[in-house]
Amino acid sequence: MGSDARSVVRIALIGNLDEARAGDARDIIIKMISTSTPARIDLDLSGIDSIDSSALRSLVACHQLANIAGIRVTIVDASPAVRKSIWACGLSGLLLGERLKGML
């Protein structure tokens, strides 16, 4: 009996997620998508002090790329600043896990 079980990868980021660091975060997520093809990538952004629009664009791009590959990218933990920015941009339905949607 075969198993189609794939892993769940958790990526935790800390500090400021701005234009200078957005590309690094995107590269880490894309590497996970392309090399390990997990079933899901859980992003822990609870250690992020601030996030800007370039980082949000990178997260959306990663979400779209992962979706094409059949992988789900979800923010499972986020600082208040991240939750506020995602909500303000109308991205909560796309990026936030169910637990965080209830915290908005």
C-alpha atoms as a PDB file:
ATOM      1  CA  MET A   1       0.000   0.000   0.000  1.00  0.00           C
ATOM      2  CA  GLY A   2       1.570   3.287  -1.127  1.00  0.00           C
ATOM      3  CA  SER A   3       1.485   6.532   0.744  1.00  0.00           C
ATOM      4  CA  ASP A   4       1.008   9.942  -0.800  1.00  0.00           C
ATOM      5  CA  ALA A   5       1.877  11.689   2.459  1.00  0.00           C
ATOM      6  CA  ARG A   6       4.032  14.756   1.966  1.00  0.00           C
ATOM      7  CA  SER A   7       5.658  16.849   4.616  1.00  0.00           C
ATOM      8  CA  VAL A   8       4.706  20.146   6.140  1.00  0.00           C
ATOM      9  CA  VAL A   9       7.518  22.698   6.205  1.00  0.00           C
ATOM     10  CA  ARG A  10       7.468  25.514   8.739  1.00  0.00           C
ATOM     11  CA  ILE A  11       9.473  28.647   7.976  1.00  0.00           C
ATOM     12  CA  ALA A  12       9.933  31.255  10.718  1.00  0.00           C
ATOM     13  CA  LEU A  13      11.083  34.755   9.834  1.00  0.00           C
ATOM     14  CA  ILE A  14      12.123  37.512  12.242  1.00  0.00           C
ATOM     15  CA  GLY A  15      12.898  41.232  12.132  1.00  0.00           C
ATOM     16  CA  ASN A  16      11.629  43.620   9.490  1.00  0.00           C
ATOM     17  CA  LEU A  17      10.278  42.162   6.267  1.00  0.00           C
ATOM     18  CA  ASP A  18      10.895  45.021   3.870  1.00  0.00           C
ATOM     19  CA  GLU A  19      12.183  45.574   0.347  1.00  0.00           C
ATOM     20  CA  ALA A  20      15.726  44.699   1.414  1.00  0.00           C
ATOM     21  CA  ARG A  21      14.682  41.301   2.835  1.00  0.00           C
ATOM     22  CA  ALA A  22      11.626  40.413   0.743  1.00  0.00           C
ATOM     23  CA  GLY A  23      13.729  38.782  -1.959  1.00  0.00           C
ATOM     24  CA  ASP A  24      15.538  36.594   0.571  1.00  0.00           C
ATOM     25  CA  ALA A  25      12.242  35.418   2.066  1.00  0.00           C
ATOM     26  CA  ARG A  26      10.859  34.749  -1.425  1.00  0.00           C
ATOM     27  CA  ASP A  27      13.978  32.755  -2.356  1.00  0.00           C
ATOM     28  CA  ILE A  28      13.702  30.584   0.772  1.00  0.00           C
ATOM     29  CA  ILE A  29      10.048  29.788   0.079  1.00  0.00           C
ATOM     30  CA  ILE A  30      10.648  29.122  -3.630  1.00  0.00           C
ATOM     31  CA  LYS A  31      13.536  26.796  -2.762  1.00  0.00           C
ATOM     32  CA  MET A  32      11.185  24.789  -0.534  1.00  0.00           C
ATOM     33  CA  ILE A  33       8.579  24.673  -3.284  1.00  0.00           C
ATOM     34  CA  SER A  34      11.028  23.514  -5.930  1.00  0.00           C
ATOM     35  CA  THR A  35      13.247  21.127  -3.972  1.00  0.00           C
ATOM     36  CA  SER A  36      11.157  19.422  -1.324  1.00  0.00           C
ATOM     37  CA  THR A  37       7.612  19.826  -2.735  1.00  0.00           C
ATOM     38  CA  PRO A  38       5.881  19.610   0.641  1.00  0.00           C
ATOM     39  CA  ALA A  39       2.110  19.392   0.916  1.00  0.00           C
ATOM     40  CA  ARG A  40       2.073  22.655   2.828  1.00  0.00           C
ATOM     41  CA  ILE A  41       4.381  25.479   3.837  1.00  0.00           C
ATOM     42  CA  ASP A  42       3.452  27.138   7.118  1.00  0.00           C
ATOM     43  CA  LEU A  43       4.878  30.617   7.602  1.00  0.00           C
ATOM     44  CA  ASP A  44       5.510  31.832  11.129  1.00  0.00           C
ATOM     45  CA  LEU A  45       5.705  35.618  10.983  1.00  0.00           C
ATOM     46  CA  SER A  46       5.192  36.176  14.703  1.00  0.00           C
ATOM     47  CA  GLY A  47       8.736  37.563  14.921  1.00  0.00           C
ATOM     48  CA  ILE A  48       8.213  40.156  12.181  1.00  0.00           C
ATOM     49  CA  ASP A  49       8.223  43.716  13.521  1.00  0.00           C
ATOM     50  CA  SER A  50       7.043  45.344  10.277  1.00  0.00           C
ATOM     51  CA  ILE A  51       6.163  44.299   6.749  1.00  0.00           C
ATOM     52  CA  ASP A  52       5.971  46.436   3.616  1.00  0.00           C
ATOM     53  CA  SER A  53       4.249  46.147   0.254  1.00  0.00           C
ATOM     54  CA  SER A  54       7.244  44.547  -1.473  1.00  0.00           C
ATOM     55  CA  ALA A  55       7.211  41.731   1.084  1.00  0.00           C
ATOM     56  CA  LEU A  56       3.456  41.308   0.676  1.00  0.00           C
ATOM     57  CA  ARG A  57       3.933  41.089  -3.116  1.00  0.00           C
ATOM     58  CA  SER A  58       6.585  38.415  -2.580  1.00  0.00           C
ATOM     59  CA  LEU A  59       4.255  36.419  -0.337  1.00  0.00           C
ATOM     60  CA  VAL A  60       1.452  36.609  -2.896  1.00  0.00           C
ATOM     61  CA  ALA A  61       3.841  35.527  -5.673  1.00  0.00           C
ATOM     62  CA  CYS A  62       4.995  32.570  -3.559  1.00  0.00           C
ATOM     63  CA  HIS A  63       1.398  31.657  -2.819  1.00  0.00           C
ATOM     64  CA  GLN A  64       0.585  31.662  -6.544  1.00  0.00           C
ATOM     65  CA  LEU A  65       3.663  29.630  -7.490  1.00  0.00           C
ATOM     66  CA  ALA A  66       2.970  27.120  -4.744  1.00  0.00           C
ATOM     67  CA  ASN A  67      -0.654  26.836  -5.818  1.00  0.00           C
ATOM     68  CA  ILE A  68       0.466  25.890  -9.336  1.00  0.00           C
ATOM     69  CA  ALA A  69       2.673  23.178  -7.797  1.00  0.00           C
ATOM     70  CA  GLY A  70      -0.188  21.892  -5.634  1.00  0.00           C
ATOM     71  CA  ILE A  71       1.348  23.237  -2.432  1.00  0.00           C
ATOM     72  CA  ARG A  72      -0.466  25.392   0.088  1.00  0.00           C
ATOM     73  CA  VAL A  73       1.366  28.376   1.604  1.00  0.00           C
ATOM     74  CA  THR A  74      -0.301  29.726   4.727  1.00  0.00           C
ATOM     75  CA  ILE A  75       0.664  32.196   7.423  1.00  0.00           C
ATOM     76  CA  VAL A  76      -0.034  30.258  10.614  1.00  0.00           C
ATOM     77  CA  ASP A  77       1.311  32.771  13.111  1.00  0.00           C
ATOM     78  CA  ALA A  78       1.817  36.509  12.698  1.00  0.00           C
ATOM     79  CA  SER A  79       2.627  39.575  14.725  1.00  0.00           C
ATOM     80  CA  PRO A  80      -0.082  42.234  15.115  1.00  0.00           C
ATOM     81  CA  ALA A  81       1.749  44.433  12.571  1.00  0.00           C
ATOM     82  CA  VAL A  82       1.671  41.654   9.969  1.00  0.00           C
ATOM     83  CA  ARG A  83      -1.999  40.846  10.616  1.00  0.00           C
ATOM     84  CA  LYS A  84      -2.915  44.536  10.311  1.00  0.00           C
ATOM     85  CA  SER A  85      -1.025  44.963   7.024  1.00  0.00           C
ATOM     86  CA  ILE A  86      -2.482  41.809   5.498  1.00  0.00           C
ATOM     87  CA  TRP A  87      -5.987  42.816   6.541  1.00  0.00           C
ATOM     88  CA  ALA A  88      -5.534  46.385   5.219  1.00  0.00           C
ATOM     89  CA  CYS A  89      -4.443  45.040   1.822  1.00  0.00           C
ATOM     90  CA  GLY A  90      -7.361  42.601   1.611  1.00  0.00           C
ATOM     91  CA  LEU A  91      -5.091  39.546   1.623  1.00  0.00           C
ATOM     92  CA  SER A  92      -6.376  37.798   4.736  1.00  0.00           C
ATOM     93  CA  GLY A  93      -8.479  35.312   2.771  1.00  0.00           C
ATOM     94  CA  LEU A  94      -5.536  34.424   0.577  1.00  0.00           C
ATOM     95  CA  LEU A  95      -2.670  34.216   3.044  1.00  0.00           C
ATOM     96  CA  LEU A  96      -3.896  33.707   6.609  1.00  0.00           C
ATOM     97  CA  GLY A  97      -4.629  30.385   8.220  1.00  0.00           C
ATOM     98  CA  GLU A  98      -8.041  29.862   9.811  1.00  0.00           C
ATOM     99  CA  ARG A  99      -6.843  30.574  13.362  1.00  0.00           C
ATOM    100  CA  LEU A 100      -5.456  33.964  12.370  1.00  0.00           C
ATOM    101  CA  LYS A 101      -8.559  34.946  10.377  1.00  0.00           C
ATOM    102  CA  GLY A 102     -10.486  34.756  13.635  1.00  0.00           C
ATOM    103  CA  MET A 103      -8.045  37.185  15.270  1.00  0.00           C
ATOM    104  CA  LEU A 104      -8.675  40.073  12.861  1.00  0.00           C
END
